[in-house]
Amino acid sequence: MSELTIGKSSRIEKAIASVQKDTKIIRMNIILEKKMHNKIKMAAMYLETNVTTLVKNAVNEYISKYAPEHM
């Protein structure tokens, strides 16, 4: 009988790492109030997109507007 474990298996962790390494993508975690998180999810649904795309577009727009030109 196998023993139950908590957390991801090493096989899954390796697969995730492999995909992230190959595509040069990282996961970014942020801390938000639940109200803000719900607002973002609702906006994504209204705009018929997903949260990742909405946040990426918003951050890119903000950076292009407010960051120094050399960025």
PDB file of N, CA and C in Angstrom:
ATOM      1  N   MET A   1       0.852  -1.178   0.000  1.00  0.00           N
ATOM      2  CA  MET A   1       0.000   0.000   0.000  1.00  0.00           C
ATOM      3  C   MET A   1       0.894   1.237   0.000  1.00  0.00           C
ATOM      4  N   SER A   2       0.574   2.196  -0.855  1.00  0.00           N
ATOM      5  CA  SER A   2       1.410   3.397  -0.928  1.00  0.00           C
ATOM      6  C   SER A   2       1.023   4.388   0.158  1.00  0.00           C
ATOM      7  N   GLU A   3       1.984   5.187   0.521  1.00  0.00           N
ATOM      8  CA  GLU A   3       1.785   6.183   1.558  1.00  0.00           C
ATOM      9  C   GLU A   3       1.357   7.503   0.915  1.00  0.00           C
ATOM     10  N   LEU A   4       0.361   8.167   1.472  1.00  0.00           N
ATOM     11  CA  LEU A   4      -0.077   9.453   0.947  1.00  0.00           C
ATOM     12  C   LEU A   4       0.915  10.535   1.350  1.00  0.00           C
ATOM     13  N   THR A   5       1.191  11.430   0.430  1.00  0.00           N
ATOM     14  CA  THR A   5       2.099  12.532   0.739  1.00  0.00           C
ATOM     15  C   THR A   5       1.407  13.854   0.449  1.00  0.00           C
ATOM     16  N   ILE A   6       1.857  14.869   1.128  1.00  0.00           N
ATOM     17  CA  ILE A   6       1.323  16.207   0.922  1.00  0.00           C
ATOM     18  C   ILE A   6       2.263  16.948  -0.007  1.00  0.00           C
ATOM     19  N   GLY A   7       1.719  17.667  -0.970  1.00  0.00           N
ATOM     20  CA  GLY A   7       2.545  18.450  -1.881  1.00  0.00           C
ATOM     21  C   GLY A   7       2.633  17.803  -3.245  1.00  0.00           C
ATOM     22  N   LYS A   8       3.400  18.449  -4.103  1.00  0.00           N
ATOM     23  CA  LYS A   8       3.556  17.969  -5.476  1.00  0.00           C
ATOM     24  C   LYS A   8       4.593  16.856  -5.527  1.00  0.00           C
ATOM     25  N   SER A   9       4.391  15.939  -6.437  1.00  0.00           N
ATOM     26  CA  SER A   9       5.395  14.902  -6.615  1.00  0.00           C
ATOM     27  C   SER A   9       6.587  15.495  -7.334  1.00  0.00           C
ATOM     28  N   SER A  10       7.730  14.880  -7.175  1.00  0.00           N
ATOM     29  CA  SER A  10       8.935  15.396  -7.822  1.00  0.00           C
ATOM     30  C   SER A  10       8.802  15.325  -9.340  1.00  0.00           C
ATOM     31  N   ARG A  11       8.038  14.383  -9.852  1.00  0.00           N
ATOM     32  CA  ARG A  11       7.825  14.270 -11.298  1.00  0.00           C
ATOM     33  C   ARG A  11       7.109  15.512 -11.829  1.00  0.00           C
ATOM     34  N   ILE A  12       6.099  15.959 -11.123  1.00  0.00           N
ATOM     35  CA  ILE A  12       5.357  17.152 -11.534  1.00  0.00           C
ATOM     36  C   ILE A  12       6.240  18.389 -11.419  1.00  0.00           C
ATOM     37  N   GLU A  13       6.989  18.491 -10.335  1.00  0.00           N
ATOM     38  CA  GLU A  13       7.890  19.635 -10.159  1.00  0.00           C
ATOM     39  C   GLU A  13       8.922  19.691 -11.278  1.00  0.00           C
ATOM     40  N   LYS A  14       9.455  18.536 -11.667  1.00  0.00           N
ATOM     41  CA  LYS A  14      10.435  18.493 -12.760  1.00  0.00           C
ATOM     42  C   LYS A  14       9.797  18.911 -14.082  1.00  0.00           C
ATOM     43  N   ALA A  15       8.566  18.482 -14.327  1.00  0.00           N
ATOM     44  CA  ALA A  15       7.874  18.849 -15.566  1.00  0.00           C
ATOM     45  C   ALA A  15       7.618  20.350 -15.621  1.00  0.00           C
ATOM     46  N   ILE A  16       7.190  20.916 -14.505  1.00  0.00           N
ATOM     47  CA  ILE A  16       6.954  22.359 -14.442  1.00  0.00           C
ATOM     48  C   ILE A  16       8.251  23.117 -14.672  1.00  0.00           C
ATOM     49  N   ALA A  17       9.312  22.699 -14.012  1.00  0.00           N
ATOM     50  CA  ALA A  17      10.612  23.355 -14.174  1.00  0.00           C
ATOM     51  C   ALA A  17      11.095  23.258 -15.610  1.00  0.00           C
ATOM     52  N   SER A  18      10.881  22.118 -16.234  1.00  0.00           N
ATOM     53  CA  SER A  18      11.306  21.921 -17.618  1.00  0.00           C
ATOM     54  C   SER A  18      10.577  22.869 -18.559  1.00  0.00           C
ATOM     55  N   VAL A  19       9.276  22.986 -18.393  1.00  0.00           N
ATOM     56  CA  VAL A  19       8.485  23.877 -19.246  1.00  0.00           C
ATOM     57  C   VAL A  19       8.902  25.322 -19.023  1.00  0.00           C
ATOM     58  N   GLN A  20       9.063  25.709 -17.774  1.00  0.00           N
ATOM     59  CA  GLN A  20       9.441  27.083 -17.478  1.00  0.00           C
ATOM     60  C   GLN A  20      10.827  27.400 -18.013  1.00  0.00           C
ATOM     61  N   LYS A  21      11.753  26.463 -17.908  1.00  0.00           N
ATOM     62  CA  LYS A  21      13.111  26.696 -18.383  1.00  0.00           C
ATOM     63  C   LYS A  21      13.130  26.794 -19.901  1.00  0.00           C
ATOM     64  N   ASP A  22      12.398  25.931 -20.574  1.00  0.00           N
ATOM     65  CA  ASP A  22      12.392  25.909 -22.034  1.00  0.00           C
ATOM     66  C   ASP A  22      11.716  27.137 -22.634  1.00  0.00           C
ATOM     67  N   THR A  23      10.691  27.660 -21.989  1.00  0.00           N
ATOM     68  CA  THR A  23       9.948  28.778 -22.559  1.00  0.00           C
ATOM     69  C   THR A  23      10.375  30.124 -21.988  1.00  0.00           C
ATOM     70  N   LYS A  24      11.335  30.103 -21.103  1.00  0.00           N
ATOM     71  CA  LYS A  24      11.831  31.333 -20.470  1.00  0.00           C
ATOM     72  C   LYS A  24      10.704  32.113 -19.800  1.00  0.00           C
ATOM     73  N   ILE A  25       9.853  31.393 -19.108  1.00  0.00           N
ATOM     74  CA  ILE A  25       8.734  31.986 -18.381  1.00  0.00           C
ATOM     75  C   ILE A  25       8.933  31.702 -16.900  1.00  0.00           C
ATOM     76  N   ILE A  26       8.600  32.684 -16.076  1.00  0.00           N
ATOM     77  CA  ILE A  26       8.639  32.461 -14.634  1.00  0.00           C
ATOM     78  C   ILE A  26       7.256  32.697 -14.059  1.00  0.00           C
ATOM     79  N   ARG A  27       7.038  32.173 -12.892  1.00  0.00           N
ATOM     80  CA  ARG A  27       5.781  32.381 -12.189  1.00  0.00           C
ATOM     81  C   ARG A  27       6.024  33.503 -11.192  1.00  0.00           C
ATOM     82  N   MET A  28       5.103  34.467 -11.141  1.00  0.00           N
ATOM     83  CA  MET A  28       5.238  35.582 -10.223  1.00  0.00           C
ATOM     84  C   MET A  28       4.038  35.593  -9.290  1.00  0.00           C
ATOM     85  N   ASN A  29       4.291  35.484  -8.019  1.00  0.00           N
ATOM     86  CA  ASN A  29       3.218  35.517  -7.031  1.00  0.00           C
ATOM     87  C   ASN A  29       3.152  36.905  -6.414  1.00  0.00           C
ATOM     88  N   ILE A  30       1.937  37.414  -6.244  1.00  0.00           N
ATOM     89  CA  ILE A  30       1.750  38.705  -5.597  1.00  0.00           C
ATOM     90  C   ILE A  30       0.704  38.562  -4.504  1.00  0.00           C
ATOM     91  N   ILE A  31       0.759  39.455  -3.557  1.00  0.00           N
ATOM     92  CA  ILE A  31      -0.204  39.445  -2.462  1.00  0.00           C
ATOM     93  C   ILE A  31      -1.183  40.591  -2.692  1.00  0.00           C
ATOM     94  N   LEU A  32      -2.464  40.250  -2.749  1.00  0.00           N
ATOM     95  CA  LEU A  32      -3.529  41.225  -2.976  1.00  0.00           C
ATOM     96  C   LEU A  32      -4.633  41.021  -1.957  1.00  0.00           C
ATOM     97  N   GLU A  33      -5.393  42.081  -1.740  1.00  0.00           N
ATOM     98  CA  GLU A  33      -6.609  41.927  -0.955  1.00  0.00           C
ATOM     99  C   GLU A  33      -7.592  41.113  -1.791  1.00  0.00           C
ATOM    100  N   LYS A  34      -8.416  40.339  -1.119  1.00  0.00           N
ATOM    101  CA  LYS A  34      -9.373  39.490  -1.821  1.00  0.00           C
ATOM    102  C   LYS A  34     -10.288  40.318  -2.727  1.00  0.00           C
ATOM    103  N   LYS A  35     -10.658  41.507  -2.270  1.00  0.00           N
ATOM    104  CA  LYS A  35     -11.532  42.386  -3.046  1.00  0.00           C
ATOM    105  C   LYS A  35     -10.871  42.770  -4.381  1.00  0.00           C
ATOM    106  N   MET A  36      -9.580  43.075  -4.342  1.00  0.00           N
ATOM    107  CA  MET A  36      -8.853  43.444  -5.559  1.00  0.00           C
ATOM    108  C   MET A  36      -8.733  42.246  -6.493  1.00  0.00           C
ATOM    109  N   HIS A  37      -8.471  41.072  -5.932  1.00  0.00           N
ATOM    110  CA  HIS A  37      -8.365  39.854  -6.730  1.00  0.00           C
ATOM    111  C   HIS A  37      -9.681  39.591  -7.467  1.00  0.00           C
ATOM    112  N   ASN A  38     -10.786  39.732  -6.760  1.00  0.00           N
ATOM    113  CA  ASN A  38     -12.096  39.529  -7.388  1.00  0.00           C
ATOM    114  C   ASN A  38     -12.356  40.567  -8.479  1.00  0.00           C
ATOM    115  N   LYS A  39     -11.929  41.802  -8.242  1.00  0.00           N
ATOM    116  CA  LYS A  39     -12.095  42.868  -9.233  1.00  0.00           C
ATOM    117  C   LYS A  39     -11.326  42.536 -10.515  1.00  0.00           C
ATOM    118  N   ILE A  40     -10.108  42.024 -10.369  1.00  0.00           N
ATOM    119  CA  ILE A  40      -9.284  41.647 -11.523  1.00  0.00           C
ATOM    120  C   ILE A  40      -9.938  40.494 -12.281  1.00  0.00           C
ATOM    121  N   LYS A  41     -10.424  39.482 -11.553  1.00  0.00           N
ATOM    122  CA  LYS A  41     -11.085  38.348 -12.206  1.00  0.00           C
ATOM    123  C   LYS A  41     -12.330  38.791 -12.964  1.00  0.00           C
ATOM    124  N   MET A  42     -13.119  39.675 -12.363  1.00  0.00           N
ATOM    125  CA  MET A  42     -14.331  40.165 -13.022  1.00  0.00           C
ATOM    126  C   MET A  42     -13.979  40.977 -14.271  1.00  0.00           C
ATOM    127  N   ALA A  43     -12.943  41.801 -14.189  1.00  0.00           N
ATOM    128  CA  ALA A  43     -12.516  42.591 -15.348  1.00  0.00           C
ATOM    129  C   ALA A  43     -12.062  41.672 -16.473  1.00  0.00           C
ATOM    130  N   ALA A  44     -11.332  40.621 -16.137  1.00  0.00           N
ATOM    131  CA  ALA A  44     -10.863  39.674 -17.153  1.00  0.00           C
ATOM    132  C   ALA A  44     -12.049  39.003 -17.846  1.00  0.00           C
ATOM    133  N   MET A  45     -13.051  38.609 -17.073  1.00  0.00           N
ATOM    134  CA  MET A  45     -14.234  37.992 -17.680  1.00  0.00           C
ATOM    135  C   MET A  45     -14.968  38.985 -18.571  1.00  0.00           C
ATOM    136  N   TYR A  46     -15.127  40.208 -18.095  1.00  0.00           N
ATOM    137  CA  TYR A  46     -15.816  41.244 -18.872  1.00  0.00           C
ATOM    138  C   TYR A  46     -15.089  41.517 -20.188  1.00  0.00           C
ATOM    139  N   LEU A  47     -13.755  41.530 -20.148  1.00  0.00           N
ATOM    140  CA  LEU A  47     -12.949  41.797 -21.340  1.00  0.00           C
ATOM    141  C   LEU A  47     -12.695  40.542 -22.175  1.00  0.00           C
ATOM    142  N   GLU A  48     -13.292  39.426 -21.754  1.00  0.00           N
ATOM    143  CA  GLU A  48     -13.155  38.141 -22.448  1.00  0.00           C
ATOM    144  C   GLU A  48     -11.694  37.737 -22.635  1.00  0.00           C
ATOM    145  N   THR A  49     -10.958  37.799 -21.549  1.00  0.00           N
ATOM    146  CA  THR A  49      -9.560  37.378 -21.538  1.00  0.00           C
ATOM    147  C   THR A  49      -9.312  36.620 -20.247  1.00  0.00           C
ATOM    148  N   ASN A  50      -8.063  36.320 -19.947  1.00  0.00           N
ATOM    149  CA  ASN A  50      -7.752  35.668 -18.677  1.00  0.00           C
ATOM    150  C   ASN A  50      -6.956  36.628 -17.800  1.00  0.00           C
ATOM    151  N   VAL A  51      -6.822  36.286 -16.539  1.00  0.00           N
ATOM    152  CA  VAL A  51      -6.152  37.157 -15.575  1.00  0.00           C
ATOM    153  C   VAL A  51      -4.702  37.413 -15.980  1.00  0.00           C
ATOM    154  N   THR A  52      -4.001  36.397 -16.433  1.00  0.00           N
ATOM    155  CA  THR A  52      -2.599  36.563 -16.821  1.00  0.00           C
ATOM    156  C   THR A  52      -2.454  37.598 -17.928  1.00  0.00           C
ATOM    157  N   THR A  53      -3.251  37.480 -18.970  1.00  0.00           N
ATOM    158  CA  THR A  53      -3.173  38.423 -20.089  1.00  0.00           C
ATOM    159  C   THR A  53      -3.552  39.827 -19.645  1.00  0.00           C
ATOM    160  N   LEU A  54      -4.596  39.942 -18.843  1.00  0.00           N
ATOM    161  CA  LEU A  54      -5.023  41.247 -18.348  1.00  0.00           C
ATOM    162  C   LEU A  54      -3.909  41.922 -17.551  1.00  0.00           C
ATOM    163  N   VAL A  55      -3.304  41.188 -16.637  1.00  0.00           N
ATOM    164  CA  VAL A  55      -2.247  41.755 -15.795  1.00  0.00           C
ATOM    165  C   VAL A  55      -1.017  42.091 -16.626  1.00  0.00           C
ATOM    166  N   LYS A  56      -0.613  41.198 -17.545  1.00  0.00           N
ATOM    167  CA  LYS A  56       0.543  41.484 -18.406  1.00  0.00           C
ATOM    168  C   LYS A  56       0.325  42.751 -19.215  1.00  0.00           C
ATOM    169  N   ASN A  57      -0.857  42.895 -19.811  1.00  0.00           N
ATOM    170  CA  ASN A  57      -1.152  44.084 -20.608  1.00  0.00           C
ATOM    171  C   ASN A  57      -1.159  45.347 -19.751  1.00  0.00           C
ATOM    172  N   ALA A  58      -1.749  45.263 -18.565  1.00  0.00           N
ATOM    173  CA  ALA A  58      -1.812  46.425 -17.677  1.00  0.00           C
ATOM    174  C   ALA A  58      -0.414  46.846 -17.220  1.00  0.00           C
ATOM    175  N   VAL A  59       0.416  45.880 -16.866  1.00  0.00           N
ATOM    176  CA  VAL A  59       1.779  46.191 -16.424  1.00  0.00           C
ATOM    177  C   VAL A  59       2.585  46.774 -17.578  1.00  0.00           C
ATOM    178  N   ASN A  60       2.481  46.185 -18.761  1.00  0.00           N
ATOM    179  CA  ASN A  60       3.197  46.723 -19.927  1.00  0.00           C
ATOM    180  C   ASN A  60       2.765  48.155 -20.231  1.00  0.00           C
ATOM    181  N   GLU A  61       1.468  48.414 -20.171  1.00  0.00           N
ATOM    182  CA  GLU A  61       0.962  49.767 -20.429  1.00  0.00           C
ATOM    183  C   GLU A  61       1.485  50.751 -19.379  1.00  0.00           C
ATOM    184  N   TYR A  62       1.463  50.337 -18.122  1.00  0.00           N
ATOM    185  CA  TYR A  62       1.947  51.190 -17.032  1.00  0.00           C
ATOM    186  C   TYR A  62       3.435  51.493 -17.200  1.00  0.00           C
ATOM    187  N   ILE A  63       4.215  50.468 -17.498  1.00  0.00           N
ATOM    188  CA  ILE A  63       5.659  50.652 -17.668  1.00  0.00           C
ATOM    189  C   ILE A  63       5.950  51.574 -18.846  1.00  0.00           C
ATOM    190  N   SER A  64       5.263  51.368 -19.955  1.00  0.00           N
ATOM    191  CA  SER A  64       5.528  52.206 -21.128  1.00  0.00           C
ATOM    192  C   SER A  64       5.136  53.661 -20.873  1.00  0.00           C
ATOM    193  N   LYS A  65       4.200  53.882 -19.966  1.00  0.00           N
ATOM    194  CA  LYS A  65       3.748  55.239 -19.673  1.00  0.00           C
ATOM    195  C   LYS A  65       4.622  55.932 -18.625  1.00  0.00           C
ATOM    196  N   TYR A  66       5.064  55.205 -17.598  1.00  0.00           N
ATOM    197  CA  TYR A  66       5.717  55.835 -16.461  1.00  0.00           C
ATOM    198  C   TYR A  66       7.192  55.504 -16.268  1.00  0.00           C
ATOM    199  N   ALA A  67       7.675  54.444 -16.866  1.00  0.00           N
ATOM    200  CA  ALA A  67       9.071  54.048 -16.651  1.00  0.00           C
ATOM    201  C   ALA A  67       9.994  54.870 -17.547  1.00  0.00           C
ATOM    202  N   PRO A  68      11.254  54.986 -17.151  1.00  0.00           N
ATOM    203  CA  PRO A  68      12.218  55.678 -18.011  1.00  0.00           C
ATOM    204  C   PRO A  68      12.298  55.004 -19.381  1.00  0.00           C
ATOM    205  N   GLU A  69      12.649  55.762 -20.386  1.00  0.00           N
ATOM    206  CA  GLU A  69      12.656  55.254 -21.760  1.00  0.00           C
ATOM    207  C   GLU A  69      13.639  54.115 -21.987  1.00  0.00           C
ATOM    208  N   HIS A  70      14.713  54.055 -21.214  1.00  0.00           N
ATOM    209  CA  HIS A  70      15.733  53.027 -21.452  1.00  0.00           C
ATOM    210  C   HIS A  70      15.325  51.645 -20.965  1.00  0.00           C
ATOM    211  N   MET A  71      14.171  51.507 -20.352  1.00  0.00           N
ATOM    212  CA  MET A  71      13.730  50.187 -19.868  1.00  0.00           C
ATOM    213  C   MET A  71      13.159  49.371 -20.991  1.00  0.00           C
TER     214      MET A  71
END
